[in-house]
Protein backbone atom coordinates (compact mmCIF):
# COMPACT_ATOMS: atom_id res chain seq x y z
CA MET A 1 -0.05 -0.43 0.13
CA GLY A 2 1.40 3.32 -1.16
CA ALA A 3 1.10 6.39 1.20
CA VAL A 4 -2.38 7.72 2.14
CA LYS A 5 -2.93 11.72 2.66
CA GLY A 6 -4.11 12.37 6.22
CA LEU A 7 -6.98 14.92 6.27
CA ARG A 8 -8.28 16.44 9.40
CA VAL A 9 -12.09 16.44 9.98
CA PRO A 10 -13.63 18.10 13.03
CA ASP A 11 -15.06 14.89 14.50
CA LEU A 12 -15.25 11.25 13.67
CA LYS A 13 -18.16 8.95 14.74
CA GLY A 14 -18.39 5.29 14.65
CA LYS A 15 -20.26 2.74 15.32
CA ILE A 16 -18.70 -0.49 17.99
CA ARG A 17 -18.24 -3.70 15.92
CA LEU A 18 -17.05 -7.05 16.78
CA LEU A 19 -13.74 -7.87 14.98
CA GLY A 20 -13.12 -11.65 13.64
CA ASN A 21 -10.46 -12.52 16.82
CA GLY A 22 -13.08 -11.41 18.99
CA GLU A 23 -11.77 -7.80 19.64
CA HIS A 24 -14.26 -4.46 19.17
CA ALA A 25 -13.21 -2.05 17.39
CA LEU A 26 -14.94 1.43 16.48
CA GLY A 27 -15.87 1.18 12.61
CA ILE A 28 -17.26 4.41 10.08
CA THR A 29 -20.59 4.77 10.29
CA ASP A 30 -20.36 6.69 6.83
CA PRO A 31 -19.47 5.51 3.63
CA TRP A 32 -17.52 8.79 2.52
CA THR A 33 -15.46 9.05 5.43
CA PRO A 34 -11.59 9.13 3.45
CA ARG A 35 -8.91 6.67 4.52
CA GLY A 36 -6.70 8.48 6.93
CA ALA A 37 -9.07 11.00 8.05
CA PHE A 38 -8.18 12.60 11.09
CA CYS A 39 -9.10 14.18 14.25
CA PHE A 40 -7.80 15.75 18.04
CA PHE A 41 -9.98 15.30 20.86
CA THR A 42 -9.08 15.75 24.75
CA ASP A 43 -10.54 13.60 28.21
CA SER A 44 -9.88 14.90 31.32
CA SER A 45 -6.31 16.01 30.52
CA ASP A 46 -5.08 13.54 28.33
CA LEU A 47 -4.89 14.32 24.39
CA PHE A 48 -6.12 11.76 21.70
CA LEU A 49 -5.42 11.15 18.04
CA ARG A 50 -8.59 9.29 16.24
CA PHE A 51 -8.28 8.61 12.87
CA VAL A 52 -9.33 6.09 10.24
CA CYS A 53 -7.40 3.38 9.06
CA PRO A 54 -5.37 4.45 5.95
CA CYS A 55 -5.42 -0.16 5.06
CA GLY A 56 -9.28 0.76 4.15
CA CYS A 57 -10.69 -1.75 6.91
CA GLY A 58 -12.49 1.16 8.14
CA ILE A 59 -11.65 0.79 11.97
CA ILE A 60 -11.64 4.07 13.61
CA HIS A 61 -8.22 3.88 15.72
CA MET A 62 -7.25 6.22 18.75
CA VAL A 63 -3.84 6.92 20.36
CA ARG A 64 -2.60 9.08 23.45
CA VAL A 65 -0.41 11.40 22.33
CA TYR A 66 1.82 14.38 23.89
CA ARG A 67 4.12 16.64 22.97
CA GLY A 68 7.68 17.35 23.87
CA SER A 69 7.19 20.14 25.84
CA ASP A 70 4.31 17.98 27.94
CA PRO A 71 4.73 16.01 30.33
CA VAL A 72 5.49 12.23 29.81
CA PRO A 73 2.03 10.33 30.31
CA SER A 74 2.32 7.67 32.88
CA ILE A 75 2.97 3.92 31.02
CA ALA A 76 0.13 2.71 33.42
CA LEU A 77 -2.42 4.79 31.09
CA GLY A 78 -1.34 2.87 28.25
CA PRO A 79 0.70 3.38 25.38
CA ARG A 80 1.45 7.01 24.26
CA TRP A 81 3.26 8.51 20.93
CA LEU A 82 5.08 11.36 20.54
CA TRP A 83 3.31 14.27 18.58
CA ASP A 84 4.95 17.11 16.67
CA GLY A 85 2.59 19.48 17.54
CA ASN A 86 1.52 19.93 14.26
CA GLU A 87 -2.22 20.45 13.73
CA HIS A 88 -2.48 19.96 10.18
CA ALA A 89 0.21 17.52 8.98
CA PRO A 90 1.25 15.48 12.19
CA SER A 91 3.81 13.16 13.17
CA LEU A 92 3.94 10.41 15.51
CA THR A 93 6.75 8.58 17.17
CA PRO A 94 7.11 5.45 17.56
CA SER A 95 5.40 3.72 14.67
CA LEU A 96 1.57 3.02 14.96
CA ASN A 97 1.10 -1.30 15.22
CA MET A 98 -2.91 -1.98 15.17
CA ASP A 99 -2.04 -5.54 15.58
CA ARG A 100 -4.90 -6.26 18.18
CA SER A 101 -7.47 -4.81 15.35
CA CYS A 102 -6.92 -4.92 11.87
CA GLY A 103 -3.09 -5.65 11.78
CA TRP A 104 -1.93 -2.62 10.13
CA HIS A 105 1.20 -1.12 10.76
CA GLY A 106 3.10 2.02 9.58
CA TRP A 107 3.62 5.58 10.45
CA LEU A 108 2.48 9.24 10.08
CA ASN A 109 4.90 11.40 9.08
CA ASP A 110 4.11 14.96 8.03
CA GLY A 111 0.38 14.28 7.80
CA ASP A 112 1.06 10.94 5.67
CA PHE A 113 0.39 7.87 6.82
CA GLY A 114 2.57 4.82 5.17
CA SER A 115 2.82 1.12 5.84
CA VAL A 116 5.90 -0.65 6.93
């Protein structure tokens, strides 16, 4: 799969669906939502990036992010990704590995999703 251009949207809504491996995931409900669409949101003091998987599976993934100037979130809260602070063409470190859902593994660099 080639690079997928990310597109910032105001919000991503979905519906919980059961995956073949017994896990649950949030799936897109609007068929016109493009692969790579993303939005930021906060929950309490945590910042998250929500994105439509670039592989085309229709899953909306969510990862906890922080800026280099922010305190590093506790690992007890789960995985977290370093965000460069760019709201329109973000980059995250380390790679995104969605092995518990669709299996996509890749990068978000300068707003482009690329597969490993």
